[in-house]
Amino acid sequence: MFGIKKMIGMTDHANDVREKRRAFMAKKSKKMPEFQPGRGYTKEDWDAVDSPELTDEELAKARPFREALPDLAASIDRELARRNGAKPASPNKS
């Protein structure tokens, strides 16, 4: 698929999600390879950031937002429904 080895013990879907996430992050990181002034932070802030690529173990532990923080997801749904006058989204939506 994206040239990444399949992790043993993971479902095909989990591996597919992991590979897509890796590919997206690789593309995303190429958008701003160097500091650009006027974006709300200083050159010193830019240089101080150390954000290494996630490991396979970290990616395997990642959970969807609604699963990781169900109470927060529900409160966001309620607030959006209140603002839009719509019914809150189902918590089982993907």
PDB file of N, CA and C in Angstrom:
ATOM      1  N   MET A   1       0.818  -1.202   0.000  1.00  0.00           N
ATOM      2  CA  MET A   1       0.000   0.000   0.000  1.00  0.00           C
ATOM      3  C   MET A   1       0.857   1.259   0.000  1.00  0.00           C
ATOM      4  N   PHE A   2       1.391   1.617   1.163  1.00  0.00           N
ATOM      5  CA  PHE A   2       2.215   2.804   1.254  1.00  0.00           C
ATOM      6  C   PHE A   2       3.663   2.444   1.548  1.00  0.00           C
ATOM      7  N   GLY A   3       4.029   1.174   1.409  1.00  0.00           N
ATOM      8  CA  GLY A   3       5.402   0.757   1.626  1.00  0.00           C
ATOM      9  C   GLY A   3       5.779   0.594   3.085  1.00  0.00           C
ATOM     10  N   ILE A   4       4.812   0.394   3.951  1.00  0.00           N
ATOM     11  CA  ILE A   4       5.096   0.220   5.375  1.00  0.00           C
ATOM     12  C   ILE A   4       4.789  -1.218   5.738  1.00  0.00           C
ATOM     13  N   LYS A   5       5.681  -1.842   6.500  1.00  0.00           N
ATOM     14  CA  LYS A   5       5.473  -3.226   6.912  1.00  0.00           C
ATOM     15  C   LYS A   5       4.211  -3.356   7.742  1.00  0.00           C
ATOM     16  N   LYS A   6       3.547  -4.480   7.565  1.00  0.00           N
ATOM     17  CA  LYS A   6       2.370  -4.785   8.348  1.00  0.00           C
ATOM     18  C   LYS A   6       2.793  -5.174   9.757  1.00  0.00           C
ATOM     19  N   MET A   7       2.092  -4.658  10.765  1.00  0.00           N
ATOM     20  CA  MET A   7       2.390  -5.022  12.143  1.00  0.00           C
ATOM     21  C   MET A   7       1.724  -6.354  12.460  1.00  0.00           C
ATOM     22  N   ILE A   8       2.458  -7.229  13.107  1.00  0.00           N
ATOM     23  CA  ILE A   8       1.938  -8.538  13.484  1.00  0.00           C
ATOM     24  C   ILE A   8       0.842  -8.363  14.522  1.00  0.00           C
ATOM     25  N   GLY A   9      -0.258  -9.117  14.350  1.00  0.00           N
ATOM     26  CA  GLY A   9      -1.336  -9.089  15.322  1.00  0.00           C
ATOM     27  C   GLY A   9      -2.361  -7.989  15.091  1.00  0.00           C
ATOM     28  N   MET A  10      -2.145  -7.129  14.119  1.00  0.00           N
ATOM     29  CA  MET A  10      -3.106  -6.058  13.846  1.00  0.00           C
ATOM     30  C   MET A  10      -4.015  -6.484  12.705  1.00  0.00           C
ATOM     31  N   THR A  11      -5.246  -6.026  12.745  1.00  0.00           N
ATOM     32  CA  THR A  11      -6.175  -6.333  11.666  1.00  0.00           C
ATOM     33  C   THR A  11      -5.765  -5.572  10.411  1.00  0.00           C
ATOM     34  N   ASP A  12      -6.281  -6.020   9.281  1.00  0.00           N
ATOM     35  CA  ASP A  12      -5.983  -5.322   8.034  1.00  0.00           C
ATOM     36  C   ASP A  12      -6.460  -3.877   8.100  1.00  0.00           C
ATOM     37  N   HIS A  13      -7.635  -3.661   8.717  1.00  0.00           N
ATOM     38  CA  HIS A  13      -8.166  -2.300   8.828  1.00  0.00           C
ATOM     39  C   HIS A  13      -7.237  -1.417   9.666  1.00  0.00           C
ATOM     40  N   ALA A  14      -6.766  -1.945  10.794  1.00  0.00           N
ATOM     41  CA  ALA A  14      -5.877  -1.161  11.654  1.00  0.00           C
ATOM     42  C   ALA A  14      -4.581  -0.828  10.926  1.00  0.00           C
ATOM     43  N   ASN A  15      -4.046  -1.778  10.186  1.00  0.00           N
ATOM     44  CA  ASN A  15      -2.834  -1.511   9.416  1.00  0.00           C
ATOM     45  C   ASN A  15      -3.098  -0.484   8.328  1.00  0.00           C
ATOM     46  N   ASP A  16      -4.264  -0.573   7.680  1.00  0.00           N
ATOM     47  CA  ASP A  16      -4.612   0.376   6.634  1.00  0.00           C
ATOM     48  C   ASP A  16      -4.705   1.791   7.199  1.00  0.00           C
ATOM     49  N   VAL A  17      -5.363   1.936   8.352  1.00  0.00           N
ATOM     50  CA  VAL A  17      -5.488   3.240   9.008  1.00  0.00           C
ATOM     51  C   VAL A  17      -4.106   3.772   9.374  1.00  0.00           C
ATOM     52  N   ARG A  18      -3.270   2.913   9.934  1.00  0.00           N
ATOM     53  CA  ARG A  18      -1.917   3.306  10.339  1.00  0.00           C
ATOM     54  C   ARG A  18      -1.115   3.797   9.133  1.00  0.00           C
ATOM     55  N   GLU A  19      -1.216   3.071   8.026  1.00  0.00           N
ATOM     56  CA  GLU A  19      -0.470   3.439   6.826  1.00  0.00           C
ATOM     57  C   GLU A  19      -0.973   4.755   6.233  1.00  0.00           C
ATOM     58  N   LYS A  20      -2.290   4.940   6.215  1.00  0.00           N
ATOM     59  CA  LYS A  20      -2.846   6.189   5.696  1.00  0.00           C
ATOM     60  C   LYS A  20      -2.426   7.374   6.559  1.00  0.00           C
ATOM     61  N   ARG A  21      -2.425   7.184   7.888  1.00  0.00           N
ATOM     62  CA  ARG A  21      -2.027   8.242   8.805  1.00  0.00           C
ATOM     63  C   ARG A  21      -0.562   8.621   8.564  1.00  0.00           C
ATOM     64  N   ARG A  22       0.282   7.613   8.419  1.00  0.00           N
ATOM     65  CA  ARG A  22       1.703   7.866   8.139  1.00  0.00           C
ATOM     66  C   ARG A  22       1.879   8.647   6.844  1.00  0.00           C
ATOM     67  N   ALA A  23       1.170   8.225   5.797  1.00  0.00           N
ATOM     68  CA  ALA A  23       1.285   8.899   4.506  1.00  0.00           C
ATOM     69  C   ALA A  23       0.815  10.341   4.612  1.00  0.00           C
ATOM     70  N   PHE A  24      -0.291  10.571   5.332  1.00  0.00           N
ATOM     71  CA  PHE A  24      -0.807  11.921   5.511  1.00  0.00           C
ATOM     72  C   PHE A  24       0.203  12.786   6.263  1.00  0.00           C
ATOM     73  N   MET A  25       0.750  12.259   7.343  1.00  0.00           N
ATOM     74  CA  MET A  25       1.700  13.037   8.138  1.00  0.00           C
ATOM     75  C   MET A  25       2.961  13.338   7.344  1.00  0.00           C
ATOM     76  N   ALA A  26       3.386  12.415   6.509  1.00  0.00           N
ATOM     77  CA  ALA A  26       4.565  12.658   5.682  1.00  0.00           C
ATOM     78  C   ALA A  26       4.300  13.799   4.708  1.00  0.00           C
ATOM     79  N   LYS A  27       3.106  13.812   4.110  1.00  0.00           N
ATOM     80  CA  LYS A  27       2.745  14.895   3.198  1.00  0.00           C
ATOM     81  C   LYS A  27       2.620  16.210   3.956  1.00  0.00           C
ATOM     82  N   LYS A  28       1.960  16.166   5.107  1.00  0.00           N
ATOM     83  CA  LYS A  28       1.714  17.363   5.895  1.00  0.00           C
ATOM     84  C   LYS A  28       3.028  18.029   6.317  1.00  0.00           C
ATOM     85  N   SER A  29       4.012  17.238   6.715  1.00  0.00           N
ATOM     86  CA  SER A  29       5.259  17.807   7.209  1.00  0.00           C
ATOM     87  C   SER A  29       6.044  18.510   6.113  1.00  0.00           C
ATOM     88  N   LYS A  30       5.762  18.226   4.856  1.00  0.00           N
ATOM     89  CA  LYS A  30       6.482  18.856   3.757  1.00  0.00           C
ATOM     90  C   LYS A  30       5.941  20.239   3.417  1.00  0.00           C
ATOM     91  N   LYS A  31       4.782  20.607   3.967  1.00  0.00           N
ATOM     92  CA  LYS A  31       4.158  21.881   3.626  1.00  0.00           C
ATOM     93  C   LYS A  31       4.936  23.090   4.144  1.00  0.00           C
ATOM     94  N   MET A  32       5.500  22.977   5.351  1.00  0.00           N
ATOM     95  CA  MET A  32       6.232  24.097   5.931  1.00  0.00           C
ATOM     96  C   MET A  32       7.585  23.617   6.444  1.00  0.00           C
ATOM     97  N   PRO A  33       8.555  23.419   5.552  1.00  0.00           N
ATOM     98  CA  PRO A  33       9.839  22.878   5.984  1.00  0.00           C
ATOM     99  C   PRO A  33      10.715  23.877   6.733  1.00  0.00           C
ATOM    100  N   GLU A  34      10.373  25.141   6.665  1.00  0.00           N
ATOM    101  CA  GLU A  34      11.178  26.138   7.368  1.00  0.00           C
ATOM    102  C   GLU A  34      10.297  27.223   7.967  1.00  0.00           C
ATOM    103  N   PHE A  35      10.851  27.981   8.872  1.00  0.00           N
ATOM    104  CA  PHE A  35      10.129  29.045   9.566  1.00  0.00           C
ATOM    105  C   PHE A  35       9.608  30.081   8.580  1.00  0.00           C
ATOM    106  N   GLN A  36       8.369  30.508   8.811  1.00  0.00           N
ATOM    107  CA  GLN A  36       7.767  31.588   8.037  1.00  0.00           C
ATOM    108  C   GLN A  36       7.228  32.613   9.022  1.00  0.00           C
ATOM    109  N   PRO A  37       7.750  33.833   9.003  1.00  0.00           N
ATOM    110  CA  PRO A  37       7.292  34.854   9.947  1.00  0.00           C
ATOM    111  C   PRO A  37       5.842  35.249   9.712  1.00  0.00           C
ATOM    112  N   GLY A  38       5.236  35.821  10.754  1.00  0.00           N
ATOM    113  CA  GLY A  38       3.877  36.324  10.647  1.00  0.00           C
ATOM    114  C   GLY A  38       2.805  35.272  10.864  1.00  0.00           C
ATOM    115  N   ARG A  39       3.139  34.163  11.493  1.00  0.00           N
ATOM    116  CA  ARG A  39       2.162  33.103  11.729  1.00  0.00           C
ATOM    117  C   ARG A  39       1.823  32.953  13.208  1.00  0.00           C
ATOM    118  N   GLY A  40       2.239  33.901  14.034  1.00  0.00           N
ATOM    119  CA  GLY A  40       1.856  33.884  15.445  1.00  0.00           C
ATOM    120  C   GLY A  40       2.871  33.266  16.383  1.00  0.00           C
ATOM    121  N   TYR A  41       4.058  32.958  15.906  1.00  0.00           N
ATOM    122  CA  TYR A  41       5.107  32.421  16.763  1.00  0.00           C
ATOM    123  C   TYR A  41       6.457  32.924  16.249  1.00  0.00           C
ATOM    124  N   THR A  42       7.433  32.880  17.131  1.00  0.00           N
ATOM    125  CA  THR A  42       8.751  33.411  16.793  1.00  0.00           C
ATOM    126  C   THR A  42       9.648  32.326  16.214  1.00  0.00           C
ATOM    127  N   LYS A  43      10.763  32.733  15.656  1.00  0.00           N
ATOM    128  CA  LYS A  43      11.767  31.789  15.139  1.00  0.00           C
ATOM    129  C   LYS A  43      12.283  30.924  16.269  1.00  0.00           C
ATOM    130  N   GLU A  44      12.424  31.507  17.456  1.00  0.00           N
ATOM    131  CA  GLU A  44      12.890  30.739  18.616  1.00  0.00           C
ATOM    132  C   GLU A  44      11.886  29.646  18.980  1.00  0.00           C
ATOM    133  N   ASP A  45      10.570  29.973  18.922  1.00  0.00           N
ATOM    134  CA  ASP A  45       9.535  28.971  19.173  1.00  0.00           C
ATOM    135  C   ASP A  45       9.639  27.837  18.150  1.00  0.00           C
ATOM    136  N   TRP A  46       9.789  28.212  16.880  1.00  0.00           N
ATOM    137  CA  TRP A  46       9.897  27.232  15.804  1.00  0.00           C
ATOM    138  C   TRP A  46      11.072  26.282  16.048  1.00  0.00           C
ATOM    139  N   ASP A  47      12.209  26.856  16.405  1.00  0.00           N
ATOM    140  CA  ASP A  47      13.414  26.052  16.619  1.00  0.00           C
ATOM    141  C   ASP A  47      13.323  25.181  17.869  1.00  0.00           C
ATOM    142  N   ALA A  48      12.522  25.591  18.848  1.00  0.00           N
ATOM    143  CA  ALA A  48      12.430  24.859  20.113  1.00  0.00           C
ATOM    144  C   ALA A  48      11.550  23.613  20.022  1.00  0.00           C
ATOM    145  N   VAL A  49      10.729  23.526  18.997  1.00  0.00           N
ATOM    146  CA  VAL A  49       9.796  22.397  18.874  1.00  0.00           C
ATOM    147  C   VAL A  49      10.546  21.140  18.442  1.00  0.00           C
ATOM    148  N   ASP A  50      10.349  20.080  19.224  1.00  0.00           N
ATOM    149  CA  ASP A  50      10.908  18.780  18.883  1.00  0.00           C
ATOM    150  C   ASP A  50       9.746  17.809  18.789  1.00  0.00           C
ATOM    151  N   SER A  51       9.343  17.496  17.584  1.00  0.00           N
ATOM    152  CA  SER A  51       8.177  16.646  17.380  1.00  0.00           C
ATOM    153  C   SER A  51       8.550  15.465  16.490  1.00  0.00           C
ATOM    154  N   PRO A  52       9.121  14.425  17.085  1.00  0.00           N
ATOM    155  CA  PRO A  52       9.531  13.265  16.270  1.00  0.00           C
ATOM    156  C   PRO A  52       8.322  12.508  15.727  1.00  0.00           C
ATOM    157  N   GLU A  53       8.542  11.750  14.669  1.00  0.00           N
ATOM    158  CA  GLU A  53       7.477  10.939  14.076  1.00  0.00           C
ATOM    159  C   GLU A  53       7.008   9.911  15.096  1.00  0.00           C
ATOM    160  N   LEU A  54       5.716   9.622  15.092  1.00  0.00           N
ATOM    161  CA  LEU A  54       5.172   8.626  16.012  1.00  0.00           C
ATOM    162  C   LEU A  54       5.743   7.250  15.692  1.00  0.00           C
ATOM    163  N   THR A  55       5.981   6.468  16.734  1.00  0.00           N
ATOM    164  CA  THR A  55       6.469   5.105  16.544  1.00  0.00           C
ATOM    165  C   THR A  55       5.307   4.183  16.193  1.00  0.00           C
ATOM    166  N   ASP A  56       5.619   2.990  15.728  1.00  0.00           N
ATOM    167  CA  ASP A  56       4.573   2.010  15.429  1.00  0.00           C
ATOM    168  C   ASP A  56       3.764   1.696  16.675  1.00  0.00           C
ATOM    169  N   GLU A  57       4.411   1.630  17.823  1.00  0.00           N
ATOM    170  CA  GLU A  57       3.717   1.338  19.076  1.00  0.00           C
ATOM    171  C   GLU A  57       2.742   2.457  19.431  1.00  0.00           C
ATOM    172  N   GLU A  58       3.172   3.710  19.254  1.00  0.00           N
ATOM    173  CA  GLU A  58       2.291   4.843  19.540  1.00  0.00           C
ATOM    174  C   GLU A  58       1.100   4.869  18.592  1.00  0.00           C
ATOM    175  N   LEU A  59       1.344   4.574  17.322  1.00  0.00           N
ATOM    176  CA  LEU A  59       0.252   4.538  16.358  1.00  0.00           C
ATOM    177  C   LEU A  59      -0.719   3.408  16.667  1.00  0.00           C
ATOM    178  N   ALA A  60      -0.201   2.276  17.130  1.00  0.00           N
ATOM    179  CA  ALA A  60      -1.061   1.143  17.463  1.00  0.00           C
ATOM    180  C   ALA A  60      -1.951   1.458  18.664  1.00  0.00           C
ATOM    181  N   LYS A  61      -1.478   2.313  19.570  1.00  0.00           N
ATOM    182  CA  LYS A  61      -2.247   2.683  20.759  1.00  0.00           C
ATOM    183  C   LYS A  61      -3.266   3.785  20.492  1.00  0.00           C
ATOM    184  N   ALA A  62      -3.149   4.456  19.362  1.00  0.00           N
ATOM    185  CA  ALA A  62      -4.038   5.582  19.052  1.00  0.00           C
ATOM    186  C   ALA A  62      -5.484   5.116  18.953  1.00  0.00           C
ATOM    187  N   ARG A  63      -6.389   5.941  19.497  1.00  0.00           N
ATOM    188  CA  ARG A  63      -7.818   5.636  19.472  1.00  0.00           C
ATOM    189  C   ARG A  63      -8.566   6.816  18.864  1.00  0.00           C
ATOM    190  N   PRO A  64      -9.718   6.552  18.280  1.00  0.00           N
ATOM    191  CA  PRO A  64     -10.528   7.652  17.740  1.00  0.00           C
ATOM    192  C   PRO A  64     -10.943   8.608  18.855  1.00  0.00           C
ATOM    193  N   PHE A  65     -11.137   9.870  18.505  1.00  0.00           N
ATOM    194  CA  PHE A  65     -11.490  10.903  19.464  1.00  0.00           C
ATOM    195  C   PHE A  65     -12.697  10.505  20.300  1.00  0.00           C
ATOM    196  N   ARG A  66     -13.765  10.051  19.648  1.00  0.00           N
ATOM    197  CA  ARG A  66     -15.000   9.707  20.366  1.00  0.00           C
ATOM    198  C   ARG A  66     -14.792   8.557  21.341  1.00  0.00           C
ATOM    199  N   GLU A  67     -13.880   7.660  21.050  1.00  0.00           N
ATOM    200  CA  GLU A  67     -13.583   6.545  21.949  1.00  0.00           C
ATOM    201  C   GLU A  67     -12.707   7.005  23.112  1.00  0.00           C
ATOM    202  N   ALA A  68     -11.745   7.855  22.816  1.00  0.00           N
ATOM    203  CA  ALA A  68     -10.799   8.308  23.843  1.00  0.00           C
ATOM    204  C   ALA A  68     -11.435   9.301  24.814  1.00  0.00           C
ATOM    205  N   LEU A  69     -12.301  10.170  24.314  1.00  0.00           N
ATOM    206  CA  LEU A  69     -12.912  11.219  25.140  1.00  0.00           C
ATOM    207  C   LEU A  69     -14.417  11.289  24.878  1.00  0.00           C
ATOM    208  N   PRO A  70     -15.163  10.252  25.265  1.00  0.00           N
ATOM    209  CA  PRO A  70     -16.591  10.208  24.934  1.00  0.00           C
ATOM    210  C   PRO A  70     -17.405  11.338  25.558  1.00  0.00           C
ATOM    211  N   ASP A  71     -17.089  11.734  26.789  1.00  0.00           N
ATOM    212  CA  ASP A  71     -17.842  12.814  27.432  1.00  0.00           C
ATOM    213  C   ASP A  71     -17.642  14.140  26.703  1.00  0.00           C
ATOM    214  N   LEU A  72     -16.415  14.420  26.315  1.00  0.00           N
ATOM    215  CA  LEU A  72     -16.131  15.653  25.575  1.00  0.00           C
ATOM    216  C   LEU A  72     -16.806  15.628  24.211  1.00  0.00           C
ATOM    217  N   ALA A  73     -16.749  14.487  23.525  1.00  0.00           N
ATOM    218  CA  ALA A  73     -17.400  14.364  22.220  1.00  0.00           C
ATOM    219  C   ALA A  73     -18.903  14.603  22.349  1.00  0.00           C
ATOM    220  N   ALA A  74     -19.513  14.049  23.387  1.00  0.00           N
ATOM    221  CA  ALA A  74     -20.950  14.231  23.598  1.00  0.00           C
ATOM    222  C   ALA A  74     -21.278  15.690  23.880  1.00  0.00           C
ATOM    223  N   SER A  75     -20.446  16.366  24.675  1.00  0.00           N
ATOM    224  CA  SER A  75     -20.724  17.775  24.977  1.00  0.00           C
ATOM    225  C   SER A  75     -20.566  18.651  23.736  1.00  0.00           C
ATOM    226  N   ILE A  76     -19.617  18.315  22.882  1.00  0.00           N
ATOM    227  CA  ILE A  76     -19.448  19.059  21.625  1.00  0.00           C
ATOM    228  C   ILE A  76     -20.671  18.836  20.739  1.00  0.00           C
ATOM    229  N   ASP A  77     -21.124  17.580  20.654  1.00  0.00           N
ATOM    230  CA  ASP A  77     -22.322  17.281  19.860  1.00  0.00           C
ATOM    231  C   ASP A  77     -23.525  18.069  20.361  1.00  0.00           C
ATOM    232  N   ARG A  78     -23.702  18.105  21.690  1.00  0.00           N
ATOM    233  CA  ARG A  78     -24.840  18.842  22.260  1.00  0.00           C
ATOM    234  C   ARG A  78     -24.744  20.331  21.935  1.00  0.00           C
ATOM    235  N   GLU A  79     -23.553  20.891  22.055  1.00  0.00           N
ATOM    236  CA  GLU A  79     -23.379  22.317  21.780  1.00  0.00           C
ATOM    237  C   GLU A  79     -23.624  22.621  20.307  1.00  0.00           C
ATOM    238  N   LEU A  80     -23.114  21.793  19.425  1.00  0.00           N
ATOM    239  CA  LEU A  80     -23.348  22.017  17.996  1.00  0.00           C
ATOM    240  C   LEU A  80     -24.822  21.877  17.653  1.00  0.00           C
ATOM    241  N   ALA A  81     -25.481  20.910  18.261  1.00  0.00           N
ATOM    242  CA  ALA A  81     -26.913  20.729  18.023  1.00  0.00           C
ATOM    243  C   ALA A  81     -27.688  21.943  18.535  1.00  0.00           C
ATOM    244  N   ARG A  82     -27.288  22.456  19.699  1.00  0.00           N
ATOM    245  CA  ARG A  82     -27.951  23.635  20.251  1.00  0.00           C
ATOM    246  C   ARG A  82     -27.793  24.822  19.307  1.00  0.00           C
ATOM    247  N   ARG A  83     -26.595  25.012  18.785  1.00  0.00           N
ATOM    248  CA  ARG A  83     -26.342  26.141  17.878  1.00  0.00           C
ATOM    249  C   ARG A  83     -27.074  25.995  16.559  1.00  0.00           C
ATOM    250  N   ASN A  84     -27.145  24.770  16.057  1.00  0.00           N
ATOM    251  CA  ASN A  84     -27.738  24.538  14.740  1.00  0.00           C
ATOM    252  C   ASN A  84     -29.203  24.139  14.794  1.00  0.00           C
ATOM    253  N   GLY A  85     -29.726  23.890  15.998  1.00  0.00           N
ATOM    254  CA  GLY A  85     -31.103  23.458  16.125  1.00  0.00           C
ATOM    255  C   GLY A  85     -31.313  22.058  15.570  1.00  0.00           C
ATOM    256  N   ALA A  86     -30.251  21.258  15.567  1.00  0.00           N
ATOM    257  CA  ALA A  86     -30.334  19.903  15.023  1.00  0.00           C
ATOM    258  C   ALA A  86     -30.205  18.882  16.144  1.00  0.00           C
ATOM    259  N   LYS A  87     -30.524  17.643  15.805  1.00  0.00           N
ATOM    260  CA  LYS A  87     -30.402  16.543  16.741  1.00  0.00           C
ATOM    261  C   LYS A  87     -28.914  16.184  16.889  1.00  0.00           C
ATOM    262  N   PRO A  88     -28.424  15.882  18.113  1.00  0.00           N
ATOM    263  CA  PRO A  88     -27.027  15.499  18.289  1.00  0.00           C
ATOM    264  C   PRO A  88     -26.674  14.259  17.465  1.00  0.00           C
ATOM    265  N   ALA A  89     -25.421  14.194  17.030  1.00  0.00           N
ATOM    266  CA  ALA A  89     -24.960  13.053  16.244  1.00  0.00           C
ATOM    267  C   ALA A  89     -24.921  11.803  17.085  1.00  0.00           C
ATOM    268  N   SER A  90     -25.086  10.679  16.454  1.00  0.00           N
ATOM    269  CA  SER A  90     -25.016   9.394  17.146  1.00  0.00           C
ATOM    270  C   SER A  90     -23.595   9.152  17.624  1.00  0.00           C
ATOM    271  N   PRO A  91     -23.404   8.660  18.869  1.00  0.00           N
ATOM    272  CA  PRO A  91     -22.039   8.421  19.358  1.00  0.00           C
ATOM    273  C   PRO A  91     -21.344   7.283  18.625  1.00  0.00           C
ATOM    274  N   ASN A  92     -22.072   6.493  17.847  1.00  0.00           N
ATOM    275  CA  ASN A  92     -21.471   5.375  17.135  1.00  0.00           C
ATOM    276  C   ASN A  92     -21.028   5.751  15.728  1.00  0.00           C
ATOM    277  N   LYS A  93     -21.177   7.004  15.348  1.00  0.00           N
ATOM    278  CA  LYS A  93     -20.736   7.427  14.027  1.00  0.00           C
ATOM    279  C   LYS A  93     -19.228   7.363  13.919  1.00  0.00           C
ATOM    280  N   SER A  94     -18.740   7.054  12.734  1.00  0.00           N
ATOM    281  CA  SER A  94     -17.288   6.990  12.508  1.00  0.00           C
ATOM    282  C   SER A  94     -16.832   8.225  11.790  1.00  0.00           C
TER     283      SER A  94
END
